[in-house]
């Protein structure tokens, strides 16, 4: 009987230790912030580009729905209105995407317009102006539960010869990175909110032009 009591006590101790170790090894996910960086020319001309962004630790100062565990993505956008794309005063991203879709349809017969390369383009409303992503790629994404590591990241390079062909080899175009973070949930994982256009964008569509230009405006070739 003494042995069985000892064995039972030992078993209880091991069980308690295993619970303690398990409790110590469960680390809650940390909040992260995706911030746009510069667009970098990476080839012999202005139409071979690499995007960059940084990931830093977030805080719990904001409501949960305004934070992220670090999934989402970053894309390169251009001020194509300056060279002939739709010039539109906007309040949301869908207005800009619709404007570029109509621009796409209107140019299908133009021999200088590579429809296949422009297919999948989208718009982004920044400081009440439309910027455009001239193609379906030009992005990097991380799907939850995976998340971007802390630090600096680059994505690309991308060859944008189709943009040069249509808007001109000597066109001076401003290129910018926009990041989108998926929104955090109570279960400790991000939602796929960027996929539905409801993520946390930087800069947001209601950003002031001066704020956006001071923080992340990097005109190509400047």
C-alpha atoms as a PDB file:
ATOM      1  CA  UNK A   1       0.000   0.000   0.000  1.00  0.00           C
ATOM      2  CA  UNK A   2       2.953   2.267   0.766  1.00  0.00           C
ATOM      3  CA  UNK A   3       4.381   1.692  -2.724  1.00  0.00           C
ATOM      4  CA  UNK A   4       1.115   2.478  -4.405  1.00  0.00           C
ATOM      5  CA  UNK A   5       0.797   5.701  -2.430  1.00  0.00           C
ATOM      6  CA  UNK A   6       4.330   6.671  -3.452  1.00  0.00           C
ATOM      7  CA  UNK A   7       3.595   5.864  -7.054  1.00  0.00           C
ATOM      8  CA  UNK A   8       0.392   7.902  -6.913  1.00  0.00           C
ATOM      9  CA  UNK A   9       2.251  10.857  -5.383  1.00  0.00           C
ATOM     10  CA  UNK A  10       4.934  10.630  -8.064  1.00  0.00           C
ATOM     11  CA  UNK A  11       2.325  10.485 -10.801  1.00  0.00           C
ATOM     12  CA  UNK A  12       0.573  13.539  -9.361  1.00  0.00           C
ATOM     13  CA  UNK A  13       3.881  15.442  -9.203  1.00  0.00           C
ATOM     14  CA  UNK A  14       4.732  14.608 -12.832  1.00  0.00           C
ATOM     15  CA  UNK A  15       1.229  15.604 -13.907  1.00  0.00           C
ATOM     16  CA  UNK A  16       1.489  18.912 -12.050  1.00  0.00           C
ATOM     17  CA  UNK A  17       4.910  19.617 -13.564  1.00  0.00           C
ATOM     18  CA  UNK A  18       3.635  18.867 -17.064  1.00  0.00           C
ATOM     19  CA  UNK A  19       0.799  21.354 -16.575  1.00  0.00           C
ATOM     20  CA  UNK A  20       3.268  23.945 -15.307  1.00  0.00           C
ATOM     21  CA  UNK A  21       5.640  23.426 -18.258  1.00  0.00           C
ATOM     22  CA  UNK A  22       2.754  23.567 -20.732  1.00  0.00           C
ATOM     23  CA  UNK A  23       1.521  26.790 -19.177  1.00  0.00           C
ATOM     24  CA  UNK A  24       4.980  28.312 -19.455  1.00  0.00           C
ATOM     25  CA  UNK A  25       5.439  27.348 -23.123  1.00  0.00           C
ATOM     26  CA  UNK A  26       2.125  28.762 -24.353  1.00  0.00           C
ATOM     27  CA  UNK A  27       3.126  32.216 -25.591  1.00  0.00           C
ATOM     28  CA  UNK A  28       0.314  34.487 -26.766  1.00  0.00           C
ATOM     29  CA  UNK A  29       0.856  35.930 -30.260  1.00  0.00           C
ATOM     30  CA  UNK A  30       2.205  39.469 -30.352  1.00  0.00           C
ATOM     31  CA  UNK A  31       0.610  42.330 -32.218  1.00  0.00           C
ATOM     32  CA  UNK A  32       2.518  43.645 -35.218  1.00  0.00           C
ATOM     33  CA  UNK A  33       2.374  46.726 -37.439  1.00  0.00           C
ATOM     34  CA  UNK A  34       3.154  46.703 -41.179  1.00  0.00           C
ATOM     35  CA  UNK A  35       4.618  50.002 -42.380  1.00  0.00           C
ATOM     36  CA  UNK A  36       5.281  50.944 -46.024  1.00  0.00           C
ATOM     37  CA  UNK A  37       8.843  51.571 -47.162  1.00  0.00           C
ATOM     38  CA  UNK A  38      10.343  52.886 -50.395  1.00  0.00           C
ATOM     39  CA  UNK A  39       9.939  51.550 -53.907  1.00  0.00           C
ATOM     40  CA  UNK A  40      13.431  50.776 -55.191  1.00  0.00           C
ATOM     41  CA  UNK A  41      14.504  50.829 -58.872  1.00  0.00           C
ATOM     42  CA  UNK A  42      16.319  47.499 -59.365  1.00  0.00           C
ATOM     43  CA  UNK A  43      17.073  47.470 -63.084  1.00  0.00           C
ATOM     44  CA  UNK A  44      18.533  49.576 -65.868  1.00  0.00           C
ATOM     45  CA  UNK A  45      15.346  51.618 -66.294  1.00  0.00           C
ATOM     46  CA  UNK A  46      12.527  53.098 -64.231  1.00  0.00           C
ATOM     47  CA  UNK A  47      10.184  50.157 -64.774  1.00  0.00           C
ATOM     48  CA  UNK A  48      11.953  47.369 -62.872  1.00  0.00           C
ATOM     49  CA  UNK A  49      10.955  47.847 -59.270  1.00  0.00           C
ATOM     50  CA  UNK A  50      11.214  46.246 -55.836  1.00  0.00           C
ATOM     51  CA  UNK A  51       8.921  47.133 -52.950  1.00  0.00           C
ATOM     52  CA  UNK A  52       9.831  47.271 -49.271  1.00  0.00           C
ATOM     53  CA  UNK A  53       8.110  47.472 -45.898  1.00  0.00           C
ATOM     54  CA  UNK A  54       8.888  46.966 -42.233  1.00  0.00           C
ATOM     55  CA  UNK A  55       7.214  44.988 -39.473  1.00  0.00           C
ATOM     56  CA  UNK A  56       7.428  46.287 -35.906  1.00  0.00           C
ATOM     57  CA  UNK A  57       5.846  45.314 -32.603  1.00  0.00           C
ATOM     58  CA  UNK A  58       2.382  46.670 -32.014  1.00  0.00           C
ATOM     59  CA  UNK A  59       0.720  47.614 -28.758  1.00  0.00           C
ATOM     60  CA  UNK A  60      -2.547  46.796 -27.034  1.00  0.00           C
ATOM     61  CA  UNK A  61      -3.489  50.464 -26.768  1.00  0.00           C
ATOM     62  CA  UNK A  62      -6.063  50.275 -29.551  1.00  0.00           C
ATOM     63  CA  UNK A  63      -9.252  48.196 -29.756  1.00  0.00           C
ATOM     64  CA  UNK A  64      -8.625  44.620 -30.894  1.00  0.00           C
ATOM     65  CA  UNK A  65     -10.259  45.174 -34.292  1.00  0.00           C
ATOM     66  CA  UNK A  66      -7.684  47.887 -35.042  1.00  0.00           C
ATOM     67  CA  UNK A  67      -4.733  45.575 -34.398  1.00  0.00           C
ATOM     68  CA  UNK A  68      -3.123  42.648 -36.231  1.00  0.00           C
ATOM     69  CA  UNK A  69      -1.009  39.615 -35.400  1.00  0.00           C
ATOM     70  CA  UNK A  70       1.144  40.297 -38.462  1.00  0.00           C
ATOM     71  CA  UNK A  71      -0.525  38.703 -41.473  1.00  0.00           C
ATOM     72  CA  UNK A  72      -1.620  40.668 -44.518  1.00  0.00           C
ATOM     73  CA  UNK A  73       0.499  42.058 -47.310  1.00  0.00           C
ATOM     74  CA  UNK A  74       2.066  44.912 -49.218  1.00  0.00           C
ATOM     75  CA  UNK A  75       1.613  46.080 -52.816  1.00  0.00           C
ATOM     76  CA  UNK A  76       3.149  48.652 -55.154  1.00  0.00           C
ATOM     77  CA  UNK A  77       0.835  51.394 -56.438  1.00  0.00           C
ATOM     78  CA  UNK A  78       1.432  54.196 -58.941  1.00  0.00           C
ATOM     79  CA  UNK A  79       0.145  57.708 -59.548  1.00  0.00           C
ATOM     80  CA  UNK A  80      -0.973  56.867 -63.079  1.00  0.00           C
ATOM     81  CA  UNK A  81      -3.467  59.715 -63.157  1.00  0.00           C
ATOM     82  CA  UNK A  82      -0.470  61.989 -63.675  1.00  0.00           C
ATOM     83  CA  UNK A  83       0.211  60.266 -67.017  1.00  0.00           C
ATOM     84  CA  UNK A  84      -3.308  59.722 -68.336  1.00  0.00           C
ATOM     85  CA  UNK A  85      -5.166  57.184 -66.194  1.00  0.00           C
ATOM     86  CA  UNK A  86      -8.462  58.237 -64.556  1.00  0.00           C
ATOM     87  CA  UNK A  87      -8.156  61.295 -62.304  1.00  0.00           C
ATOM     88  CA  UNK A  88     -10.767  60.736 -59.630  1.00  0.00           C
ATOM     89  CA  UNK A  89     -11.590  62.286 -56.287  1.00  0.00           C
ATOM     90  CA  UNK A  90     -12.400  59.304 -54.068  1.00  0.00           C
ATOM     91  CA  UNK A  91     -13.507  58.268 -50.607  1.00  0.00           C
ATOM     92  CA  UNK A  92     -12.928  54.494 -50.852  1.00  0.00           C
ATOM     93  CA  UNK A  93     -10.796  51.932 -52.695  1.00  0.00           C
ATOM     94  CA  UNK A  94     -13.658  50.386 -54.663  1.00  0.00           C
ATOM     95  CA  UNK A  95     -14.245  53.665 -56.531  1.00  0.00           C
ATOM     96  CA  UNK A  96     -10.661  53.576 -57.790  1.00  0.00           C
ATOM     97  CA  UNK A  97     -10.762  49.904 -58.740  1.00  0.00           C
ATOM     98  CA  UNK A  98     -13.956  50.516 -60.712  1.00  0.00           C
ATOM     99  CA  UNK A  99     -12.391  53.525 -62.468  1.00  0.00           C
ATOM    100  CA  UNK A 100      -9.388  51.469 -63.587  1.00  0.00           C
ATOM    101  CA  UNK A 101     -11.605  48.571 -64.718  1.00  0.00           C
ATOM    102  CA  UNK A 102     -13.460  51.000 -66.977  1.00  0.00           C
ATOM    103  CA  UNK A 103     -10.117  52.370 -68.209  1.00  0.00           C
ATOM    104  CA  UNK A 104      -9.039  48.779 -68.944  1.00  0.00           C
ATOM    105  CA  UNK A 105     -12.166  48.082 -70.980  1.00  0.00           C
ATOM    106  CA  UNK A 106     -11.810  51.321 -72.932  1.00  0.00           C
ATOM    107  CA  UNK A 107      -8.261  50.443 -74.019  1.00  0.00           C
ATOM    108  CA  UNK A 108      -8.651  46.809 -75.066  1.00  0.00           C
ATOM    109  CA  UNK A 109      -8.276  47.781 -78.723  1.00  0.00           C
ATOM    110  CA  UNK A 110      -5.193  49.957 -78.200  1.00  0.00           C
ATOM    111  CA  UNK A 111      -2.109  48.177 -79.651  1.00  0.00           C
ATOM    112  CA  UNK A 112       0.123  49.812 -77.022  1.00  0.00           C
ATOM    113  CA  UNK A 113      -2.025  48.455 -74.207  1.00  0.00           C
ATOM    114  CA  UNK A 114      -1.027  44.952 -73.061  1.00  0.00           C
ATOM    115  CA  UNK A 115      -4.416  43.885 -71.708  1.00  0.00           C
ATOM    116  CA  UNK A 116      -3.134  40.602 -70.241  1.00  0.00           C
ATOM    117  CA  UNK A 117      -0.470  42.360 -68.163  1.00  0.00           C
ATOM    118  CA  UNK A 118      -2.879  45.047 -66.947  1.00  0.00           C
ATOM    119  CA  UNK A 119      -5.558  42.475 -66.121  1.00  0.00           C
ATOM    120  CA  UNK A 120      -6.218  42.291 -62.383  1.00  0.00           C
ATOM    121  CA  UNK A 121      -5.264  45.918 -61.751  1.00  0.00           C
ATOM    122  CA  UNK A 122      -6.820  47.598 -58.744  1.00  0.00           C
ATOM    123  CA  UNK A 123      -7.183  51.023 -57.195  1.00  0.00           C
ATOM    124  CA  UNK A 124      -6.326  52.538 -53.841  1.00  0.00           C
ATOM    125  CA  UNK A 125      -7.851  55.724 -52.442  1.00  0.00           C
ATOM    126  CA  UNK A 126      -5.129  57.763 -50.744  1.00  0.00           C
ATOM    127  CA  UNK A 127      -5.671  61.329 -49.553  1.00  0.00           C
ATOM    128  CA  UNK A 128      -8.862  61.439 -51.655  1.00  0.00           C
ATOM    129  CA  UNK A 129      -7.010  60.586 -54.896  1.00  0.00           C
ATOM    130  CA  UNK A 130      -6.870  57.335 -56.818  1.00  0.00           C
ATOM    131  CA  UNK A 131      -3.610  55.443 -57.097  1.00  0.00           C
ATOM    132  CA  UNK A 132      -3.430  52.280 -59.195  1.00  0.00           C
ATOM    133  CA  UNK A 133      -1.735  48.889 -59.027  1.00  0.00           C
ATOM    134  CA  UNK A 134      -1.128  48.181 -62.737  1.00  0.00           C
ATOM    135  CA  UNK A 135      -1.380  44.390 -62.676  1.00  0.00           C
ATOM    136  CA  UNK A 136      -2.479  41.445 -60.560  1.00  0.00           C
ATOM    137  CA  UNK A 137       0.947  40.777 -59.061  1.00  0.00           C
ATOM    138  CA  UNK A 138       3.123  43.565 -57.569  1.00  0.00           C
ATOM    139  CA  UNK A 139       2.365  42.223 -54.073  1.00  0.00           C
ATOM    140  CA  UNK A 140       3.509  39.954 -51.291  1.00  0.00           C
ATOM    141  CA  UNK A 141       1.067  38.301 -48.895  1.00  0.00           C
ATOM    142  CA  UNK A 142       1.057  36.251 -45.704  1.00  0.00           C
ATOM    143  CA  UNK A 143      -2.064  34.223 -44.917  1.00  0.00           C
ATOM    144  CA  UNK A 144      -3.037  33.579 -41.250  1.00  0.00           C
ATOM    145  CA  UNK A 145      -2.111  31.829 -39.057  1.00  0.00           C
ATOM    146  CA  UNK A 146       1.305  32.612 -40.595  1.00  0.00           C
ATOM    147  CA  UNK A 147       2.636  36.135 -40.051  1.00  0.00           C
ATOM    148  CA  UNK A 148       5.509  38.326 -41.215  1.00  0.00           C
ATOM    149  CA  UNK A 149       8.650  38.293 -39.075  1.00  0.00           C
ATOM    150  CA  UNK A 150       9.778  41.474 -37.360  1.00  0.00           C
ATOM    151  CA  UNK A 151      12.232  43.546 -39.384  1.00  0.00           C
ATOM    152  CA  UNK A 152      12.599  44.854 -42.931  1.00  0.00           C
ATOM    153  CA  UNK A 153      11.222  43.017 -45.957  1.00  0.00           C
ATOM    154  CA  UNK A 154      11.559  43.383 -49.733  1.00  0.00           C
ATOM    155  CA  UNK A 155       9.331  41.931 -52.432  1.00  0.00           C
ATOM    156  CA  UNK A 156       9.846  41.678 -56.161  1.00  0.00           C
ATOM    157  CA  UNK A 157      11.543  42.658 -58.348  1.00  0.00           C
ATOM    158  CA  UNK A 158       8.785  43.294 -60.862  1.00  0.00           C
ATOM    159  CA  UNK A 159       9.187  44.056 -64.547  1.00  0.00           C
ATOM    160  CA  UNK A 160       6.703  46.733 -65.588  1.00  0.00           C
ATOM    161  CA  UNK A 161       7.531  46.973 -69.279  1.00  0.00           C
ATOM    162  CA  UNK A 162       3.805  46.969 -70.079  1.00  0.00           C
ATOM    163  CA  UNK A 163       3.449  50.234 -68.139  1.00  0.00           C
ATOM    164  CA  UNK A 164       6.398  51.758 -70.010  1.00  0.00           C
ATOM    165  CA  UNK A 165       4.998  50.632 -73.359  1.00  0.00           C
ATOM    166  CA  UNK A 166       1.620  52.242 -72.751  1.00  0.00           C
ATOM    167  CA  UNK A 167       2.497  55.398 -70.803  1.00  0.00           C
ATOM    168  CA  UNK A 168       5.921  55.984 -72.377  1.00  0.00           C
ATOM    169  CA  UNK A 169       9.494  54.924 -71.608  1.00  0.00           C
ATOM    170  CA  UNK A 170      10.266  58.425 -70.350  1.00  0.00           C
ATOM    171  CA  UNK A 171       7.122  58.755 -68.202  1.00  0.00           C
ATOM    172  CA  UNK A 172       7.832  60.102 -64.730  1.00  0.00           C
ATOM    173  CA  UNK A 173       5.650  58.061 -62.406  1.00  0.00           C
ATOM    174  CA  UNK A 174       5.503  58.136 -58.607  1.00  0.00           C
ATOM    175  CA  UNK A 175       5.445  54.635 -57.098  1.00  0.00           C
ATOM    176  CA  UNK A 176       4.435  53.869 -53.512  1.00  0.00           C
ATOM    177  CA  UNK A 177       4.015  50.866 -51.250  1.00  0.00           C
ATOM    178  CA  UNK A 178       0.695  50.351 -49.467  1.00  0.00           C
ATOM    179  CA  UNK A 179       0.431  47.799 -46.668  1.00  0.00           C
ATOM    180  CA  UNK A 180      -2.677  46.004 -45.454  1.00  0.00           C
ATOM    181  CA  UNK A 181      -2.810  44.148 -42.127  1.00  0.00           C
ATOM    182  CA  UNK A 182      -5.452  41.524 -41.444  1.00  0.00           C
ATOM    183  CA  UNK A 183      -7.541  42.357 -38.387  1.00  0.00           C
ATOM    184  CA  UNK A 184      -6.950  40.436 -35.147  1.00  0.00           C
ATOM    185  CA  UNK A 185      -9.664  38.280 -33.595  1.00  0.00           C
ATOM    186  CA  UNK A 186     -10.449  37.128 -30.059  1.00  0.00           C
ATOM    187  CA  UNK A 187      -9.265  33.591 -30.888  1.00  0.00           C
ATOM    188  CA  UNK A 188      -5.662  34.783 -31.236  1.00  0.00           C
ATOM    189  CA  UNK A 189      -5.611  34.576 -35.026  1.00  0.00           C
ATOM    190  CA  UNK A 190      -6.065  37.168 -37.741  1.00  0.00           C
ATOM    191  CA  UNK A 191      -9.113  37.281 -39.931  1.00  0.00           C
ATOM    192  CA  UNK A 192      -8.499  37.389 -43.710  1.00  0.00           C
ATOM    193  CA  UNK A 193      -9.832  40.945 -43.806  1.00  0.00           C
ATOM    194  CA  UNK A 194      -7.430  42.208 -46.495  1.00  0.00           C
ATOM    195  CA  UNK A 195      -8.923  39.664 -48.880  1.00  0.00           C
ATOM    196  CA  UNK A 196     -12.305  41.374 -48.528  1.00  0.00           C
ATOM    197  CA  UNK A 197     -10.904  44.896 -48.700  1.00  0.00           C
ATOM    198  CA  UNK A 198     -11.581  45.492 -45.001  1.00  0.00           C
ATOM    199  CA  UNK A 199      -8.066  45.274 -43.611  1.00  0.00           C
ATOM    200  CA  UNK A 200      -5.998  47.912 -41.828  1.00  0.00           C
ATOM    201  CA  UNK A 201      -4.367  49.987 -44.571  1.00  0.00           C
ATOM    202  CA  UNK A 202      -1.306  52.174 -44.271  1.00  0.00           C
ATOM    203  CA  UNK A 203      -1.841  54.839 -45.329  1.00  0.00           C
ATOM    204  CA  UNK A 204      -5.606  54.793 -44.739  1.00  0.00           C
ATOM    205  CA  UNK A 205      -7.892  56.221 -47.397  1.00  0.00           C
ATOM    206  CA  UNK A 206      -8.591  59.241 -45.194  1.00  0.00           C
ATOM    207  CA  UNK A 207      -4.898  60.122 -44.722  1.00  0.00           C
ATOM    208  CA  UNK A 208      -3.938  63.730 -45.277  1.00  0.00           C
ATOM    209  CA  UNK A 209      -1.802  64.264 -48.353  1.00  0.00           C
ATOM    210  CA  UNK A 210       0.918  65.964 -46.325  1.00  0.00           C
ATOM    211  CA  UNK A 211       1.084  63.104 -43.807  1.00  0.00           C
ATOM    212  CA  UNK A 212       1.327  60.485 -46.542  1.00  0.00           C
ATOM    213  CA  UNK A 213       4.006  62.371 -48.485  1.00  0.00           C
ATOM    214  CA  UNK A 214       6.132  63.028 -45.417  1.00  0.00           C
ATOM    215  CA  UNK A 215       6.094  59.440 -44.230  1.00  0.00           C
ATOM    216  CA  UNK A 216       6.269  57.198 -47.257  1.00  0.00           C
ATOM    217  CA  UNK A 217       6.366  59.180 -50.462  1.00  0.00           C
ATOM    218  CA  UNK A 218       9.184  57.877 -52.633  1.00  0.00           C
ATOM    219  CA  UNK A 219       8.918  59.100 -56.234  1.00  0.00           C
ATOM    220  CA  UNK A 220      10.842  56.755 -58.504  1.00  0.00           C
ATOM    221  CA  UNK A 221      14.061  58.378 -59.652  1.00  0.00           C
ATOM    222  CA  UNK A 222      13.904  61.232 -57.104  1.00  0.00           C
END
